[in-house]
Amino acid sequence: MHSLKVLVRARRSLRKLGSSPHQRSLSAQPHYASLDDVQDQVLVDGRASSRTAILNRPSALNSLTTSMVARLKRLYESWEDNPNVGFVSMKGSGKAFCSGGDVITLYHLLTGGNIEECKTFFDTLYKFIYVQGTYLKPHLAILDGVTMASGAGISLPGMFRLATDKTVFSHPEVQIGFHPDAGASFHLSRLPGYLGEYLALLRDKLNGVEMVACRLATHYSLNARLALIEERLGRLTTDDPSVIETSLSQYGDLVYPDRRSIIHKIDVIDKCFSHDTVEEIIHALEIEAADSYGEWCAMTLKKLREASPLSLKVTLRSIREGRFQSLDQCLTREYRISLRGISGEVSKDFCEGVRARLVDKDFAPKWDPPSLEEATKEMVDFYVSPLISEPELELPTASREPSV
């Protein structure tokens, strides 16, 4: 572990040089739960040379709150600095890895006038994801069960992502008037062809086999074998990624997507979703539907027409820009979009989408603007433009990526 320890010491020195005595401590952040509650919602399993963070809100599909993400960030930073910890992992309890941010809590905060607490959630979440994306030690995410939205965001930066036969991956954000965030514009934009655009604009689901096929996951195992894998990993005393890789592969399975998988539609996805605008994408799908009479095209068009028109356009712009940007640049842009989305300055689609689909459940959101034609380029430009009245997302790039 010698070379890793040298890197850890160097980064710790950079942190100290860049720290400020006036920096706000985590204790000054808004609290959603007492300390005991937070510790119960993020459990820790310590082994000889590894630590595992366990998301523990099974009744809420392990959805994230500010206090949970703040605890995760503290844990990961302390484990990175601890010379006795060789690698880390994360998993969820119950039937989910993580269903994303607790958007119902965010909705009630916004409707109650507490926008600052919502901003703190996104600030804390994106900073944690940046820590993960620049982590010095090997880390593994066990994606057993529902893995959605920012739940995907806290898993994809991992060096190893283990999917199972219970994994369900999706980005449904445009259906609630939001955008795929938490690093999604970085990860989805790097998928084969235009699959990232497809997944971002739709709410289509991938299973564990499909995640491996498109490289969102690095390994696959049956859920029934997870206990064996975790037992073997727990006995390791190493920080060597190749040793962890060998352990994961030993109980892994070679799998292939079945013939109905979306992976086998990559040619038509590229043909339709490579266009520059949402309107052109829809037009291409309409032509494809007329030529093939395919059920898939019809269902894809139906999902696009149910989504927030403004969210569709903002999301496409975000994914396209993400193709040419680093993780920190993607997180900075996503932070701007998120703050513009919760502010309601241009549109209140986020609150309306959460209300319609998750609170009142009438599934009849009244989008504003109501059509793609009325969702103008000026609106989209505003969402991605630099913040004016408040600070941008501040990421510790100087200490975590000194060569950048």
Protein backbone atom coordinates (compact mmCIF):
# COMPACT_ATOMS: atom_id res chain seq x y z
CA MET A 1 0.00 0.00 0.00
CA HIS A 2 3.07 2.27 0.03
CA SER A 3 2.36 4.28 -3.14
CA LEU A 4 -1.26 4.81 -2.12
CA LYS A 5 -0.22 6.06 1.31
CA VAL A 6 2.11 8.61 -0.31
CA LEU A 7 -0.77 9.92 -2.45
CA VAL A 8 -3.07 10.12 0.57
CA ARG A 9 -0.48 12.09 2.57
CA ALA A 10 0.08 14.49 -0.34
CA ARG A 11 -3.62 15.13 -0.76
CA ARG A 12 -4.07 15.68 2.99
CA SER A 13 -1.34 18.35 2.86
CA LEU A 14 -3.08 20.09 -0.05
CA ARG A 15 -6.35 20.10 1.86
CA LYS A 16 -4.71 21.79 4.84
CA LEU A 17 -3.14 24.45 2.63
CA GLY A 18 -6.48 25.18 1.00
CA SER A 19 -8.59 25.19 4.15
CA SER A 20 -10.04 28.37 5.60
CA PRO A 21 -10.67 29.14 9.28
CA HIS A 22 -13.96 30.72 8.26
CA GLN A 23 -15.20 27.70 6.35
CA ARG A 24 -18.65 26.62 7.48
CA SER A 25 -18.60 23.32 9.29
CA LEU A 26 -20.98 20.47 8.62
CA SER A 27 -22.65 21.13 11.96
CA ALA A 28 -23.97 24.39 10.53
CA GLN A 29 -25.89 22.57 7.81
CA PRO A 30 -29.68 22.17 8.14
CA HIS A 31 -30.59 18.94 9.90
CA TYR A 32 -33.27 16.58 8.64
CA ALA A 33 -32.73 14.10 11.47
CA SER A 34 -30.99 13.68 14.78
CA LEU A 35 -27.46 12.29 14.90
CA ASP A 36 -28.74 8.88 15.98
CA ASP A 37 -31.23 8.83 13.10
CA VAL A 38 -28.52 9.72 10.57
CA GLN A 39 -26.22 7.00 11.87
CA ASP A 40 -29.08 4.52 11.58
CA GLN A 41 -29.76 5.63 8.00
CA VAL A 42 -26.12 5.13 6.94
CA LEU A 43 -24.66 2.13 8.70
CA VAL A 44 -21.00 1.08 8.64
CA ASP A 45 -19.61 -2.43 8.39
CA GLY A 46 -15.89 -2.50 9.23
CA ARG A 47 -13.65 -5.36 8.15
CA ALA A 48 -9.90 -6.02 8.40
CA SER A 49 -8.93 -3.77 5.50
CA SER A 50 -12.23 -2.42 4.18
CA ARG A 51 -15.27 -0.38 5.13
CA THR A 52 -18.82 -0.63 3.77
CA ALA A 53 -21.41 2.14 3.88
CA ILE A 54 -24.95 0.71 4.03
CA LEU A 55 -27.85 2.94 2.99
CA ASN A 56 -30.57 2.08 5.46
CA ARG A 57 -33.92 3.68 4.63
CA PRO A 58 -35.56 0.59 3.11
CA SER A 59 -39.10 1.93 3.54
CA ALA A 60 -38.13 4.88 1.31
CA LEU A 61 -36.06 2.71 -1.10
CA ASN A 62 -32.95 4.25 0.51
CA SER A 63 -33.66 7.68 -0.96
CA LEU A 64 -31.10 10.29 0.03
CA THR A 65 -31.43 13.25 2.39
CA THR A 66 -28.90 16.00 3.02
CA SER A 67 -27.85 14.51 6.35
CA MET A 68 -27.29 11.08 4.79
CA VAL A 69 -25.10 12.46 2.00
CA ALA A 70 -23.15 14.62 4.46
CA ARG A 71 -22.44 11.52 6.57
CA LEU A 72 -21.38 9.55 3.47
CA LYS A 73 -18.98 12.33 2.49
CA ARG A 74 -17.44 12.44 5.97
CA LEU A 75 -17.06 8.65 6.04
CA TYR A 76 -15.47 8.44 2.60
CA GLU A 77 -13.01 11.22 3.37
CA SER A 78 -12.02 9.66 6.68
CA TRP A 79 -11.56 6.24 5.05
CA GLU A 80 -9.45 7.77 2.29
CA ASP A 81 -7.14 9.25 4.93
CA ASN A 82 -7.03 6.07 7.05
CA PRO A 83 -3.93 4.01 6.18
CA ASN A 84 -5.59 0.88 7.56
CA VAL A 85 -8.43 1.02 5.02
CA GLY A 86 -7.51 -0.52 1.68
CA PHE A 87 -10.83 -0.21 -0.16
CA VAL A 88 -14.44 0.84 0.45
CA SER A 89 -17.85 -0.23 -0.77
CA MET A 90 -21.48 0.85 -0.65
CA LYS A 91 -24.73 -1.08 -0.72
CA GLY A 92 -28.38 -0.64 0.17
CA SER A 93 -30.63 -2.47 2.60
CA GLY A 94 -33.90 -4.02 1.52
CA LYS A 95 -35.05 -4.13 -2.10
CA ALA A 96 -33.12 -1.09 -3.33
CA PHE A 97 -29.59 0.18 -3.69
CA CYS A 98 -30.86 3.77 -3.83
CA SER A 99 -33.90 5.33 -5.51
CA GLY A 100 -32.27 8.77 -5.73
CA GLY A 101 -32.85 11.96 -3.79
CA ASP A 102 -35.82 12.24 -1.47
CA VAL A 103 -37.74 14.46 -3.90
CA ILE A 104 -40.91 14.38 -1.82
CA THR A 105 -39.03 16.01 1.06
CA LEU A 106 -37.60 18.55 -1.40
CA TYR A 107 -41.11 19.23 -2.71
CA HIS A 108 -42.45 19.95 0.78
CA LEU A 109 -39.47 22.16 1.54
CA LEU A 110 -40.05 24.17 -1.64
CA THR A 111 -43.78 24.52 -1.15
CA GLY A 112 -43.02 25.59 2.42
CA GLY A 113 -40.65 28.30 1.23
CA ASN A 114 -37.42 26.56 2.38
CA ILE A 115 -35.45 26.76 -0.84
CA GLU A 116 -32.10 27.22 0.97
CA GLU A 117 -32.32 23.74 2.45
CA CYS A 118 -32.94 22.34 -1.03
CA LYS A 119 -29.86 24.15 -2.34
CA THR A 120 -27.83 22.63 0.49
CA PHE A 121 -28.98 19.16 -0.55
CA PHE A 122 -27.68 19.57 -4.10
CA ASP A 123 -24.47 21.25 -2.93
CA THR A 124 -23.74 18.41 -0.50
CA LEU A 125 -24.69 15.67 -2.97
CA TYR A 126 -22.56 16.96 -5.83
CA LYS A 127 -19.55 17.49 -3.58
CA PHE A 128 -19.82 13.91 -2.37
CA ILE A 129 -20.02 12.62 -5.94
CA TYR A 130 -16.91 14.62 -6.80
CA VAL A 131 -15.11 12.98 -3.86
CA GLN A 132 -16.14 9.60 -5.24
CA GLY A 133 -15.07 10.50 -8.76
CA THR A 134 -11.58 11.48 -7.57
CA TYR A 135 -11.21 8.81 -4.88
CA LEU A 136 -7.71 7.40 -4.40
CA LYS A 137 -8.74 4.01 -3.11
CA PRO A 138 -10.67 1.26 -4.91
CA HIS A 139 -14.38 1.45 -4.24
CA LEU A 140 -17.24 -0.84 -5.10
CA ALA A 141 -20.98 -0.20 -5.43
CA ILE A 142 -23.26 -3.23 -5.07
CA LEU A 143 -26.28 -2.33 -7.21
CA ASP A 144 -28.73 -4.90 -5.95
CA GLY A 145 -32.28 -3.65 -6.54
CA VAL A 146 -33.59 -0.24 -7.56
CA THR A 147 -30.82 2.10 -8.74
CA MET A 148 -32.41 5.32 -9.95
CA ALA A 149 -31.56 8.98 -10.60
CA SER A 150 -29.00 10.28 -8.08
CA GLY A 151 -28.90 6.74 -6.70
CA ALA A 152 -27.11 5.96 -9.94
CA GLY A 153 -25.04 9.10 -9.40
CA ILE A 154 -23.53 7.81 -6.15
CA SER A 155 -22.75 4.43 -7.71
CA LEU A 156 -21.30 5.12 -11.15
CA PRO A 157 -18.09 6.90 -10.01
CA GLY A 158 -17.02 3.65 -8.37
CA MET A 159 -14.08 1.71 -9.79
CA PHE A 160 -16.25 -1.42 -9.57
CA ARG A 161 -20.04 -1.57 -10.07
CA LEU A 162 -21.60 -4.94 -9.35
CA ALA A 163 -25.07 -5.49 -10.89
CA THR A 164 -27.33 -8.44 -10.11
CA ASP A 165 -30.44 -10.14 -11.41
CA LYS A 166 -32.41 -7.79 -9.10
CA THR A 167 -30.92 -4.55 -10.47
CA VAL A 168 -33.29 -1.99 -12.02
CA PHE A 169 -31.52 1.10 -13.40
CA SER A 170 -33.32 4.18 -14.72
CA HIS A 171 -33.30 7.96 -15.02
CA PRO A 172 -36.96 9.08 -14.74
CA GLU A 173 -36.21 12.74 -13.92
CA VAL A 174 -37.80 14.33 -17.01
CA GLN A 175 -41.09 12.75 -15.97
CA ILE A 176 -41.09 14.90 -12.82
CA GLY A 177 -39.94 18.08 -14.53
CA PHE A 178 -36.29 17.75 -13.55
CA HIS A 179 -33.08 16.61 -15.28
CA PRO A 180 -30.67 13.67 -14.87
CA ASP A 181 -28.13 15.08 -12.42
CA ALA A 182 -25.55 13.91 -9.88
CA GLY A 183 -23.00 13.36 -12.62
CA ALA A 184 -25.45 11.79 -15.08
CA SER A 185 -24.41 14.11 -17.91
CA PHE A 186 -20.85 12.82 -17.51
CA HIS A 187 -21.63 9.10 -17.30
CA LEU A 188 -24.55 8.84 -19.73
CA SER A 189 -22.79 10.88 -22.39
CA ARG A 190 -19.99 8.29 -22.47
CA LEU A 191 -22.21 5.31 -23.24
CA PRO A 192 -22.05 3.66 -26.67
CA GLY A 193 -23.56 5.72 -29.47
CA TYR A 194 -26.55 7.77 -28.37
CA LEU A 195 -27.78 5.37 -25.72
CA GLY A 196 -27.12 8.04 -23.08
CA GLU A 197 -29.52 10.47 -24.73
CA TYR A 198 -32.12 7.73 -24.95
CA LEU A 199 -31.86 6.82 -21.27
CA ALA A 200 -31.83 10.48 -20.19
CA LEU A 201 -34.88 11.51 -22.22
CA LEU A 202 -36.93 8.41 -21.49
CA ARG A 203 -37.62 6.61 -18.26
CA ASP A 204 -36.68 3.25 -19.74
CA LYS A 205 -35.17 0.71 -17.39
CA LEU A 206 -32.05 -1.38 -17.72
CA ASN A 207 -31.53 -4.67 -15.93
CA GLY A 208 -28.21 -5.85 -14.57
CA VAL A 209 -27.24 -7.72 -17.72
CA GLU A 210 -27.89 -4.63 -19.84
CA MET A 211 -25.86 -2.48 -17.46
CA VAL A 212 -22.86 -4.74 -17.99
CA ALA A 213 -23.41 -4.78 -21.75
CA CYS A 214 -23.26 -0.97 -21.99
CA ARG A 215 -20.47 -0.69 -19.38
CA LEU A 216 -22.52 1.04 -16.70
CA ALA A 217 -21.65 -1.96 -14.51
CA THR A 218 -18.31 -3.74 -14.42
CA HIS A 219 -19.47 -7.09 -13.00
CA TYR A 220 -22.60 -9.22 -12.74
CA SER A 221 -23.66 -11.80 -10.20
CA LEU A 222 -26.82 -13.50 -9.11
CA ASN A 223 -28.34 -12.00 -5.99
CA ALA A 224 -28.05 -15.41 -4.33
CA ARG A 225 -24.25 -15.21 -4.54
CA LEU A 226 -23.85 -11.78 -2.96
CA ALA A 227 -23.27 -13.18 0.51
CA LEU A 228 -20.35 -15.25 -0.81
CA ILE A 229 -18.87 -12.25 -2.61
CA GLU A 230 -19.16 -10.00 0.43
CA GLU A 231 -17.65 -12.66 2.68
CA ARG A 232 -14.66 -13.05 0.35
CA LEU A 233 -14.17 -9.28 0.02
CA GLY A 234 -14.36 -8.90 3.78
CA ARG A 235 -11.37 -11.21 4.22
CA LEU A 236 -9.15 -9.23 1.85
CA THR A 237 -6.30 -7.11 3.22
CA THR A 238 -5.37 -5.12 0.14
CA ASP A 239 -5.70 -1.87 -1.76
CA ASP A 240 -4.79 -3.58 -5.06
CA PRO A 241 -7.64 -3.24 -7.59
CA SER A 242 -6.54 -6.41 -9.40
CA VAL A 243 -7.05 -8.49 -6.25
CA ILE A 244 -10.55 -7.07 -5.79
CA GLU A 245 -11.25 -7.66 -9.49
CA THR A 246 -10.26 -11.31 -9.14
CA SER A 247 -12.56 -11.78 -6.15
CA LEU A 248 -15.51 -10.22 -7.99
CA SER A 249 -14.87 -12.29 -11.11
CA GLN A 250 -14.62 -15.55 -9.17
CA TYR A 251 -18.32 -15.47 -8.33
CA GLY A 252 -19.39 -13.53 -11.41
CA ASP A 253 -21.41 -14.72 -14.37
CA LEU A 254 -20.94 -14.33 -18.11
CA VAL A 255 -24.24 -12.95 -19.36
CA TYR A 256 -25.73 -11.67 -22.59
CA PRO A 257 -28.80 -9.45 -23.14
CA ASP A 258 -31.82 -11.34 -24.44
CA ARG A 259 -33.12 -10.63 -27.94
CA ARG A 260 -35.78 -8.18 -26.69
CA SER A 261 -33.23 -6.01 -24.91
CA ILE A 262 -32.88 -2.33 -25.73
CA ILE A 263 -29.19 -3.06 -26.33
CA HIS A 264 -30.19 -4.77 -29.58
CA LYS A 265 -31.95 -1.58 -30.72
CA ILE A 266 -28.79 0.51 -30.61
CA ASP A 267 -28.85 1.10 -34.39
CA VAL A 268 -32.32 2.63 -34.38
CA ILE A 269 -31.49 4.56 -31.18
CA ASP A 270 -28.45 6.05 -32.89
CA LYS A 271 -30.52 6.82 -35.99
CA CYS A 272 -33.22 8.69 -34.03
CA PHE A 273 -31.44 10.14 -30.98
CA SER A 274 -28.40 11.52 -32.81
CA HIS A 275 -30.37 14.56 -33.96
CA ASP A 276 -29.65 18.04 -32.61
CA THR A 277 -33.07 18.88 -31.15
CA VAL A 278 -35.87 17.09 -29.30
CA GLU A 279 -38.25 18.01 -32.13
CA GLU A 280 -35.98 16.31 -34.67
CA ILE A 281 -35.67 13.24 -32.45
CA ILE A 282 -39.46 12.95 -32.24
CA HIS A 283 -39.80 13.43 -36.00
CA ALA A 284 -37.25 10.68 -36.65
CA LEU A 285 -39.15 8.34 -34.30
CA GLU A 286 -42.42 9.14 -36.08
CA ILE A 287 -40.87 8.21 -39.43
CA GLU A 288 -39.42 5.04 -37.94
CA ALA A 289 -42.80 4.13 -36.43
CA ALA A 290 -44.55 4.64 -39.77
CA ASP A 291 -41.99 2.49 -41.58
CA SER A 292 -41.77 -0.34 -39.07
CA TYR A 293 -45.13 -0.21 -37.25
CA GLY A 294 -43.04 -1.07 -34.22
CA GLU A 295 -44.48 -1.04 -30.72
CA TRP A 296 -41.17 0.22 -29.35
CA CYS A 297 -41.30 3.44 -31.40
CA ALA A 298 -44.89 4.09 -30.37
CA MET A 299 -44.10 3.59 -26.69
CA THR A 300 -40.99 5.77 -26.94
CA LEU A 301 -43.02 8.58 -28.50
CA LYS A 302 -45.67 8.24 -25.79
CA LYS A 303 -43.07 8.58 -23.01
CA LEU A 304 -41.49 11.63 -24.64
CA ARG A 305 -44.87 13.34 -24.97
CA GLU A 306 -45.65 12.70 -21.29
CA ALA A 307 -42.45 14.37 -20.08
CA SER A 308 -41.89 18.04 -19.29
CA PRO A 309 -41.08 19.76 -22.62
CA LEU A 310 -38.61 22.12 -20.96
CA SER A 311 -36.93 19.28 -19.08
CA LEU A 312 -36.48 17.36 -22.32
CA LYS A 313 -34.69 20.29 -23.96
CA VAL A 314 -32.56 21.12 -20.93
CA THR A 315 -31.62 17.44 -20.54
CA LEU A 316 -30.58 17.02 -24.17
CA ARG A 317 -28.42 20.14 -23.91
CA SER A 318 -26.85 18.85 -20.68
CA ILE A 319 -25.97 15.42 -22.09
CA ARG A 320 -24.53 16.91 -25.28
CA GLU A 321 -22.33 19.33 -23.33
CA GLY A 322 -21.28 16.52 -21.00
CA ARG A 323 -19.66 14.64 -23.88
CA PHE A 324 -16.83 17.18 -23.93
CA GLN A 325 -16.51 18.03 -20.23
CA SER A 326 -14.82 16.61 -17.15
CA LEU A 327 -16.77 15.40 -14.11
CA ASP A 328 -16.28 18.64 -12.18
CA GLN A 329 -17.49 20.69 -15.16
CA CYS A 330 -20.55 18.46 -15.53
CA LEU A 331 -21.38 18.77 -11.82
CA THR A 332 -21.02 22.56 -12.00
CA ARG A 333 -23.46 22.75 -14.91
CA GLU A 334 -25.89 20.33 -13.28
CA TYR A 335 -25.81 22.43 -10.10
CA ARG A 336 -26.84 25.48 -12.14
CA ILE A 337 -29.68 23.56 -13.77
CA SER A 338 -30.87 22.16 -10.44
CA LEU A 339 -30.91 25.56 -8.73
CA ARG A 340 -32.74 27.11 -11.69
CA GLY A 341 -35.20 24.22 -11.60
CA ILE A 342 -36.07 24.54 -7.92
CA SER A 343 -36.15 28.36 -8.03
CA GLY A 344 -39.22 28.40 -10.29
CA GLU A 345 -37.94 31.53 -12.04
CA VAL A 346 -38.76 30.19 -15.50
CA SER A 347 -40.87 27.13 -14.71
CA LYS A 348 -42.30 25.32 -11.70
CA ASP A 349 -42.26 21.99 -13.51
CA PHE A 350 -40.25 20.24 -10.77
CA CYS A 351 -42.84 20.87 -8.08
CA GLU A 352 -45.67 20.14 -10.50
CA GLY A 353 -44.10 16.89 -11.64
CA VAL A 354 -43.47 15.63 -8.11
CA ARG A 355 -47.00 16.65 -7.09
CA ALA A 356 -48.62 14.84 -10.02
CA ARG A 357 -46.59 11.64 -9.91
CA LEU A 358 -45.55 11.17 -6.28
CA VAL A 359 -47.73 13.31 -3.99
CA ASP A 360 -51.28 13.61 -5.34
CA LYS A 361 -50.64 10.82 -7.86
CA ASP A 362 -53.16 12.10 -10.39
CA PHE A 363 -50.51 11.53 -13.10
CA ALA A 364 -51.73 14.62 -14.94
CA PRO A 365 -48.98 17.24 -14.62
CA LYS A 366 -49.69 20.66 -16.10
CA TRP A 367 -46.34 21.52 -17.63
CA ASP A 368 -45.31 25.14 -18.12
CA PRO A 369 -44.38 25.72 -20.88
CA PRO A 370 -46.87 23.12 -22.14
CA SER A 371 -45.21 22.36 -25.50
CA LEU A 372 -41.80 21.98 -27.08
CA GLU A 373 -42.48 24.99 -29.29
CA GLU A 374 -42.95 27.18 -26.23
CA ALA A 375 -39.83 25.86 -24.50
CA THR A 376 -37.47 28.36 -26.10
CA LYS A 377 -33.72 28.35 -26.60
CA GLU A 378 -33.51 31.38 -24.29
CA MET A 379 -35.08 29.34 -21.49
CA VAL A 380 -32.62 26.51 -21.98
CA ASP A 381 -29.69 28.95 -22.14
CA PHE A 382 -30.79 30.44 -18.82
CA TYR A 383 -30.77 27.02 -17.12
CA VAL A 384 -27.17 26.25 -18.09
CA SER A 385 -25.72 29.76 -17.80
CA PRO A 386 -23.47 30.78 -14.86
CA LEU A 387 -25.22 31.70 -11.62
CA ILE A 388 -25.50 35.41 -10.97
CA SER A 389 -27.16 36.06 -7.62
CA GLU A 390 -25.48 33.21 -5.69
CA PRO A 391 -22.20 31.29 -5.60
CA GLU A 392 -21.36 28.57 -8.07
CA LEU A 393 -20.69 25.03 -6.89
CA GLU A 394 -17.25 25.03 -5.26
CA LEU A 395 -15.37 21.78 -5.74
CA PRO A 396 -11.90 21.10 -4.27
CA THR A 397 -10.25 20.53 -7.63
CA ALA A 398 -6.96 22.10 -6.49
CA SER A 399 -6.50 19.55 -3.69
CA ARG A 400 -8.06 16.49 -5.33
CA GLU A 401 -6.84 17.03 -8.89
CA PRO A 402 -3.72 19.23 -8.55
CA SER A 403 -2.54 18.33 -12.05
CA VAL A 404 -5.71 19.72 -13.69
